[in-house]
């Protein structure tokens, strides 16, 4: 089962050819270990245990690739950018598996891109550069804007939501959302956009920055919200509290005006860490009681979608049709959809 690893542990697990040779390996042994899948070549001259690689989510597999590229370069090295900077910050890349590491290099040192490294050249202001876990990368604001400009809309929205959540949510209380911190990052992203008015994808990036909401608690919630507005629905509220029994409260993922919308990732039922000691069956029963209460006190139907229902717009529309829900014939005003 894949799980999230400490970035420092990933970096210390990387081994260069030089370090392997110093430990007594020969080039023949290294090649044999790659063939037998004992180790994996991450970048030219850089390796990691295949068993560790197989246990990483693809964002962290790309992070290992970024680390190898950065460690292989001469100081101060290139600046990780775009999706490669996103994984340094721990941001998600929904269904996006980068084939190459994206870096921004000094314009005075022109080096050609390679099969696994895409080198970009362009000016960066000092405030657009940061260092995270010893890796130089673009700032959080610049990173989100670059992902929004160059990646699919689903990836962009999930990444932007996660970035706002990273700065605005208290880890000890997932419902403690600091609007001021979120707005500060949004202003920084707007400033980045203003510096590149004619760049490719900038209109979509501008829409993503305004649409992003750090209260979304998962990638699935982010993409579900996007699907609803793409179909023409309004989603005025995210993470809505509803009074529950005995002074407690329940939280619904999305308010779609006429319905409550819940994203049900399979991990809610299958991951022991998320079940809080309950069996999968007990979680299902608890969810049923919760939904019955919400319907009773609000008079609204609860619409549930899973991973398979949000992977495409058509899949989402088909799922809503099962509930008898038809997208509006006319898109609401103002138009919630991204520029095309």
Protein backbone atom coordinates (compact mmCIF):
# COMPACT_ATOMS: atom_id res chain seq x y z
CA UNK A 1 0.00 0.00 0.00
CA UNK A 2 1.33 3.42 -0.92
CA UNK A 3 1.77 5.93 1.89
CA UNK A 4 3.19 9.38 2.39
CA UNK A 5 6.85 9.49 3.43
CA UNK A 6 8.88 12.21 5.11
CA UNK A 7 10.62 14.21 2.35
CA UNK A 8 13.87 14.16 4.33
CA UNK A 9 13.72 10.35 4.48
CA UNK A 10 13.26 10.24 0.70
CA UNK A 11 16.23 12.50 0.12
CA UNK A 12 18.52 10.53 2.42
CA UNK A 13 17.49 7.33 0.62
CA UNK A 14 18.78 8.60 -2.73
CA UNK A 15 22.23 7.29 -3.63
CA UNK A 16 24.57 8.64 -6.27
CA UNK A 17 26.73 6.36 -8.36
CA UNK A 18 29.76 7.85 -6.62
CA UNK A 19 28.41 6.94 -3.17
CA UNK A 20 27.61 3.39 -4.28
CA UNK A 21 31.09 2.95 -5.76
CA UNK A 22 32.60 4.31 -2.53
CA UNK A 23 30.59 1.67 -0.65
CA UNK A 24 32.15 -1.06 -2.76
CA UNK A 25 29.68 -1.43 -5.63
CA UNK A 26 30.94 -1.91 -9.18
CA UNK A 27 29.19 -0.50 -12.24
CA UNK A 28 28.34 -4.07 -13.22
CA UNK A 29 26.64 -4.66 -9.85
CA UNK A 30 24.71 -1.39 -10.16
CA UNK A 31 23.43 -2.34 -13.63
CA UNK A 32 22.49 -5.83 -12.39
CA UNK A 33 20.59 -4.38 -9.40
CA UNK A 34 18.63 -2.12 -11.75
CA UNK A 35 17.77 -5.10 -14.00
CA UNK A 36 16.57 -7.19 -11.06
CA UNK A 37 14.57 -4.23 -9.70
CA UNK A 38 16.47 -4.08 -6.42
CA UNK A 39 17.22 -0.42 -7.10
CA UNK A 40 15.73 2.08 -9.51
CA UNK A 41 17.54 4.71 -11.53
CA UNK A 42 15.77 7.98 -10.76
CA UNK A 43 18.08 10.29 -12.72
CA UNK A 44 21.36 9.79 -14.53
CA UNK A 45 23.75 8.50 -11.85
CA UNK A 46 21.14 8.55 -9.05
CA UNK A 47 19.34 5.56 -7.53
CA UNK A 48 16.76 4.61 -4.90
CA UNK A 49 15.54 1.30 -3.49
CA UNK A 50 12.83 -0.08 -5.76
CA UNK A 51 10.76 -1.16 -2.73
CA UNK A 52 10.73 2.40 -1.39
CA UNK A 53 9.87 3.81 -4.83
CA UNK A 54 6.94 1.42 -5.22
CA UNK A 55 5.52 2.58 -1.87
CA UNK A 56 5.48 6.28 -2.78
CA UNK A 57 2.55 8.23 -4.17
CA UNK A 58 3.39 9.55 -7.63
CA UNK A 59 3.82 13.11 -6.29
CA UNK A 60 6.57 11.82 -4.00
CA UNK A 61 8.06 9.74 -6.79
CA UNK A 62 8.38 12.99 -8.72
CA UNK A 63 9.78 14.66 -5.60
CA UNK A 64 12.55 12.02 -5.50
CA UNK A 65 13.26 12.80 -9.16
CA UNK A 66 13.43 16.53 -8.36
CA UNK A 67 15.80 15.89 -5.46
CA UNK A 68 18.11 13.81 -7.65
CA UNK A 69 18.25 16.52 -10.31
CA UNK A 70 18.90 19.25 -7.74
CA UNK A 71 21.58 17.23 -5.92
CA UNK A 72 23.28 16.37 -9.20
CA UNK A 73 23.69 20.02 -10.20
CA UNK A 74 26.50 22.34 -9.19
CA UNK A 75 25.63 24.88 -6.49
CA UNK A 76 23.52 26.93 -6.33
CA UNK A 77 21.72 24.69 -8.82
CA UNK A 78 18.50 25.24 -10.76
CA UNK A 79 15.19 26.38 -9.28
CA UNK A 80 12.40 23.81 -9.30
CA UNK A 81 9.32 25.24 -10.99
CA UNK A 82 5.74 24.40 -11.92
CA UNK A 83 4.61 20.91 -10.98
CA UNK A 84 8.15 20.11 -9.82
CA UNK A 85 7.97 22.95 -7.29
CA UNK A 86 4.45 21.87 -6.31
CA UNK A 87 5.66 18.49 -5.04
CA UNK A 88 8.40 20.22 -3.04
CA UNK A 89 5.62 22.08 -1.19
CA UNK A 90 3.67 18.84 -0.79
CA UNK A 91 0.86 19.99 -3.08
CA UNK A 92 -1.21 17.39 -4.97
CA UNK A 93 -1.07 16.77 -8.72
CA UNK A 94 -4.46 15.26 -9.49
CA UNK A 95 -4.01 12.58 -12.18
CA UNK A 96 -0.89 14.37 -13.45
CA UNK A 97 2.35 12.40 -13.59
CA UNK A 98 5.21 14.64 -14.76
CA UNK A 99 7.62 12.85 -17.09
CA UNK A 100 10.32 15.48 -16.61
CA UNK A 101 11.58 17.72 -13.85
CA UNK A 102 10.87 21.38 -14.61
CA UNK A 103 13.51 23.88 -13.52
CA UNK A 104 14.30 27.53 -14.15
CA UNK A 105 17.96 28.19 -14.84
CA UNK A 106 20.23 31.19 -14.96
CA UNK A 107 19.87 32.77 -18.39
CA UNK A 108 23.66 33.21 -18.56
CA UNK A 109 24.24 29.44 -18.37
CA UNK A 110 22.36 27.93 -21.29
CA UNK A 111 22.13 24.15 -20.98
CA UNK A 112 19.91 22.06 -23.22
CA UNK A 113 16.96 20.14 -21.81
CA UNK A 114 17.27 16.37 -21.57
CA UNK A 115 14.93 13.40 -21.67
CA UNK A 116 14.06 13.84 -17.98
CA UNK A 117 14.78 17.52 -17.28
CA UNK A 118 12.98 20.47 -18.91
CA UNK A 119 15.01 23.64 -18.45
CA UNK A 120 13.24 26.99 -18.67
CA UNK A 121 14.91 30.37 -18.85
CA UNK A 122 13.27 33.52 -17.64
CA UNK A 123 13.65 36.28 -15.06
CA UNK A 124 12.59 35.63 -11.48
CA UNK A 125 12.32 38.31 -8.82
CA UNK A 126 13.83 37.53 -5.43
CA UNK A 127 10.35 37.26 -3.88
CA UNK A 128 9.49 34.55 -6.41
CA UNK A 129 12.24 32.25 -5.09
CA UNK A 130 12.04 30.19 -1.90
CA UNK A 131 13.88 27.31 -0.25
CA UNK A 132 11.95 24.32 1.11
CA UNK A 133 13.73 21.41 2.79
CA UNK A 134 16.99 22.55 1.24
CA UNK A 135 15.58 22.74 -2.30
CA UNK A 136 15.43 26.04 -4.15
CA UNK A 137 12.07 26.44 -5.86
CA UNK A 138 9.65 29.08 -7.01
CA UNK A 139 7.57 30.76 -4.30
CA UNK A 140 4.26 29.18 -3.32
CA UNK A 141 2.33 31.87 -5.20
CA UNK A 142 4.43 31.57 -8.37
CA UNK A 143 4.22 27.77 -8.20
CA UNK A 144 0.41 27.74 -8.07
CA UNK A 145 0.16 30.21 -10.95
CA UNK A 146 2.57 28.19 -13.11
CA UNK A 147 0.66 24.96 -12.44
CA UNK A 148 -2.60 26.74 -13.30
CA UNK A 149 -1.10 28.04 -16.55
CA UNK A 150 0.32 24.77 -17.80
CA UNK A 151 -1.59 21.82 -16.30
CA UNK A 152 -5.13 20.50 -16.67
CA UNK A 153 -7.83 22.48 -14.91
CA UNK A 154 -8.52 19.69 -12.41
CA UNK A 155 -4.85 19.59 -11.39
CA UNK A 156 -4.73 23.37 -11.14
CA UNK A 157 -7.80 23.68 -8.89
CA UNK A 158 -6.72 20.88 -6.56
CA UNK A 159 -3.24 22.42 -6.28
CA UNK A 160 -4.54 25.97 -5.65
CA UNK A 161 -7.03 24.78 -3.01
CA UNK A 162 -4.28 22.85 -1.22
CA UNK A 163 -1.92 25.85 -1.28
CA UNK A 164 -4.53 28.10 0.34
CA UNK A 165 -5.30 25.40 2.88
CA UNK A 166 -1.60 25.08 3.66
CA UNK A 167 -1.35 28.71 4.74
CA UNK A 168 -4.82 29.24 6.20
CA UNK A 169 -5.73 26.12 8.19
CA UNK A 170 -4.56 25.34 11.70
CA UNK A 171 -3.28 21.74 11.78
CA UNK A 172 -4.77 21.26 15.25
CA UNK A 173 -8.24 22.34 14.09
CA UNK A 174 -9.15 21.61 10.45
CA UNK A 175 -12.10 24.02 10.70
CA UNK A 176 -10.01 26.94 11.94
CA UNK A 177 -9.66 28.79 8.62
CA UNK A 178 -7.80 32.11 8.54
CA UNK A 179 -9.35 34.22 5.78
CA UNK A 180 -6.63 36.87 6.12
CA UNK A 181 -3.84 34.37 5.47
CA UNK A 182 -5.70 32.94 2.48
CA UNK A 183 -6.29 36.39 1.05
CA UNK A 184 -2.62 37.33 1.52
CA UNK A 185 -1.58 34.36 -0.63
CA UNK A 186 -4.28 35.17 -3.17
CA UNK A 187 -2.93 38.72 -3.45
CA UNK A 188 0.57 37.33 -4.03
CA UNK A 189 -0.78 35.10 -6.80
CA UNK A 190 -2.56 38.04 -8.42
CA UNK A 191 0.72 39.99 -8.32
CA UNK A 192 2.50 37.12 -10.09
CA UNK A 193 -0.21 37.07 -12.76
CA UNK A 194 0.08 40.84 -13.26
CA UNK A 195 3.79 40.37 -14.04
CA UNK A 196 3.07 37.99 -16.94
CA UNK A 197 -0.06 39.35 -18.66
CA UNK A 198 0.62 37.72 -22.04
CA UNK A 199 1.95 34.35 -20.87
CA UNK A 200 0.37 31.15 -22.09
CA UNK A 201 -2.59 30.07 -19.96
CA UNK A 202 -2.69 33.25 -17.90
CA UNK A 203 -6.48 33.76 -18.30
CA UNK A 204 -7.16 30.29 -16.91
CA UNK A 205 -4.68 30.92 -14.10
CA UNK A 206 -6.52 34.12 -13.19
CA UNK A 207 -9.81 32.18 -13.00
CA UNK A 208 -8.26 29.41 -10.89
CA UNK A 209 -6.82 31.89 -8.38
CA UNK A 210 -10.24 33.48 -7.83
CA UNK A 211 -12.06 30.12 -7.76
CA UNK A 212 -9.67 28.44 -5.30
CA UNK A 213 -10.93 27.75 -1.79
CA UNK A 214 -8.63 26.43 0.92
CA UNK A 215 -11.53 25.07 2.96
CA UNK A 216 -11.72 22.06 0.62
CA UNK A 217 -10.35 19.20 2.68
CA UNK A 218 -9.35 16.83 -0.10
CA UNK A 219 -8.48 16.62 -3.77
CA UNK A 220 -11.80 14.91 -4.40
CA UNK A 221 -13.73 17.79 -2.84
CA UNK A 222 -11.84 20.28 -5.00
CA UNK A 223 -12.53 18.43 -8.24
CA UNK A 224 -16.17 17.79 -7.29
CA UNK A 225 -16.71 21.52 -6.78
CA UNK A 226 -15.11 22.19 -10.15
CA UNK A 227 -17.32 19.62 -11.89
CA UNK A 228 -20.47 21.21 -10.49
CA UNK A 229 -19.61 24.68 -11.73
CA UNK A 230 -18.50 23.27 -15.09
CA UNK A 231 -22.00 21.80 -15.41
CA UNK A 232 -23.53 25.19 -14.65
CA UNK A 233 -24.46 24.83 -10.97
CA UNK A 234 -23.62 27.37 -8.28
CA UNK A 235 -21.65 26.23 -5.23
CA UNK A 236 -21.90 29.15 -2.80
CA UNK A 237 -20.48 27.41 0.27
CA UNK A 238 -17.82 24.85 1.14
CA UNK A 239 -17.61 22.82 4.38
CA UNK A 240 -21.02 23.81 5.73
CA UNK A 241 -21.79 23.13 9.40
CA UNK A 242 -25.20 21.67 10.23
CA UNK A 243 -26.42 21.38 13.82
CA UNK A 244 -26.54 17.75 14.93
CA UNK A 245 -28.03 15.91 17.90
CA UNK A 246 -27.03 16.67 21.50
CA UNK A 247 -25.21 19.91 20.66
CA UNK A 248 -22.90 18.29 18.12
CA UNK A 249 -22.60 19.33 14.48
CA UNK A 250 -22.06 17.72 11.10
CA UNK A 251 -20.11 19.15 8.19
CA UNK A 252 -21.22 18.80 4.57
CA UNK A 253 -18.63 19.15 1.81
CA UNK A 254 -20.55 21.39 -0.61
CA UNK A 255 -23.70 23.49 -0.72
CA UNK A 256 -25.11 23.27 -4.26
CA UNK A 257 -28.12 25.47 -3.36
CA UNK A 258 -30.77 22.76 -3.75
CA UNK A 259 -28.71 19.77 -2.62
CA UNK A 260 -25.90 18.92 -0.25
CA UNK A 261 -22.96 17.30 -2.01
CA UNK A 262 -20.58 14.82 -0.38
CA UNK A 263 -17.42 13.43 -1.92
CA UNK A 264 -16.88 9.88 -0.72
CA UNK A 265 -13.33 8.75 -1.34
CA UNK A 266 -12.81 5.02 -0.83
CA UNK A 267 -10.16 5.75 1.83
CA UNK A 268 -12.92 6.94 4.18
CA UNK A 269 -14.03 3.31 4.45
CA UNK A 270 -10.83 1.38 3.67
CA UNK A 271 -8.04 3.31 5.41
CA UNK A 272 -7.80 2.25 9.09
CA UNK A 273 -6.23 5.60 10.03
CA UNK A 274 -9.32 7.46 8.78
CA UNK A 275 -11.82 5.11 10.41
CA UNK A 276 -10.79 6.07 13.97
CA UNK A 277 -10.88 2.49 15.19
CA UNK A 278 -14.23 1.66 13.55
CA UNK A 279 -14.81 -1.15 11.08
CA UNK A 280 -15.77 -0.31 7.51
CA UNK A 281 -19.31 -1.49 8.29
CA UNK A 282 -19.54 0.75 11.35
CA UNK A 283 -18.42 3.73 9.26
CA UNK A 284 -21.16 2.99 6.71
CA UNK A 285 -23.81 2.84 9.45
CA UNK A 286 -22.55 6.08 11.01
CA UNK A 287 -22.66 7.80 7.60
CA UNK A 288 -26.23 6.57 7.07
CA UNK A 289 -27.37 8.02 10.43
CA UNK A 290 -25.56 11.27 9.66
CA UNK A 291 -27.18 11.58 6.24
CA UNK A 292 -30.65 10.79 7.61
CA UNK A 293 -30.29 13.58 10.19
CA UNK A 294 -29.04 16.12 7.63
CA UNK A 295 -31.92 15.36 5.24
CA UNK A 296 -34.46 15.57 8.04
CA UNK A 297 -33.37 18.94 9.48
CA UNK A 298 -32.55 20.66 6.17
CA UNK A 299 -35.12 19.20 3.81
CA UNK A 300 -32.41 18.66 1.20
CA UNK A 301 -31.21 15.54 -0.58
CA UNK A 302 -27.58 14.50 -0.07
CA UNK A 303 -25.79 13.72 -3.33
CA UNK A 304 -22.77 11.42 -3.01
CA UNK A 305 -19.98 11.13 -5.55
CA UNK A 306 -16.89 8.94 -5.54
CA UNK A 307 -13.59 9.04 -7.41
CA UNK A 308 -15.10 7.34 -10.44
CA UNK A 309 -17.82 10.01 -10.71
CA UNK A 310 -15.50 13.02 -10.99
CA UNK A 311 -12.80 11.69 -13.30
CA UNK A 312 -14.60 13.31 -16.28
CA UNK A 313 -17.38 15.83 -16.72
CA UNK A 314 -19.57 13.23 -18.45
CA UNK A 315 -19.11 10.80 -15.55
CA UNK A 316 -20.25 13.50 -13.14
CA UNK A 317 -23.31 14.34 -15.27
CA UNK A 318 -24.24 10.64 -15.44
CA UNK A 319 -23.98 10.34 -11.66
CA UNK A 320 -26.23 13.35 -11.15
CA UNK A 321 -28.73 11.86 -13.60
CA UNK A 322 -29.02 8.86 -11.26
CA UNK A 323 -30.35 11.33 -8.67
CA UNK A 324 -32.69 12.88 -11.23
CA UNK A 325 -30.60 16.04 -11.38
CA UNK A 326 -30.26 17.76 -14.76
CA UNK A 327 -27.74 20.59 -15.34
CA UNK A 328 -29.36 23.99 -15.90
CA UNK A 329 -30.08 24.90 -19.51
CA UNK A 330 -28.65 28.37 -18.95
CA UNK A 331 -25.43 28.91 -17.04
CA UNK A 332 -25.91 31.09 -13.96
CA UNK A 333 -24.70 34.69 -13.89
CA UNK A 334 -21.93 35.51 -13.38
CA UNK A 335 -20.63 32.64 -15.50
CA UNK A 336 -18.72 30.31 -13.14
CA UNK A 337 -16.88 28.44 -15.86
CA UNK A 338 -13.22 28.96 -16.73
CA UNK A 339 -12.28 30.92 -19.86
CA UNK A 340 -11.97 28.79 -22.97
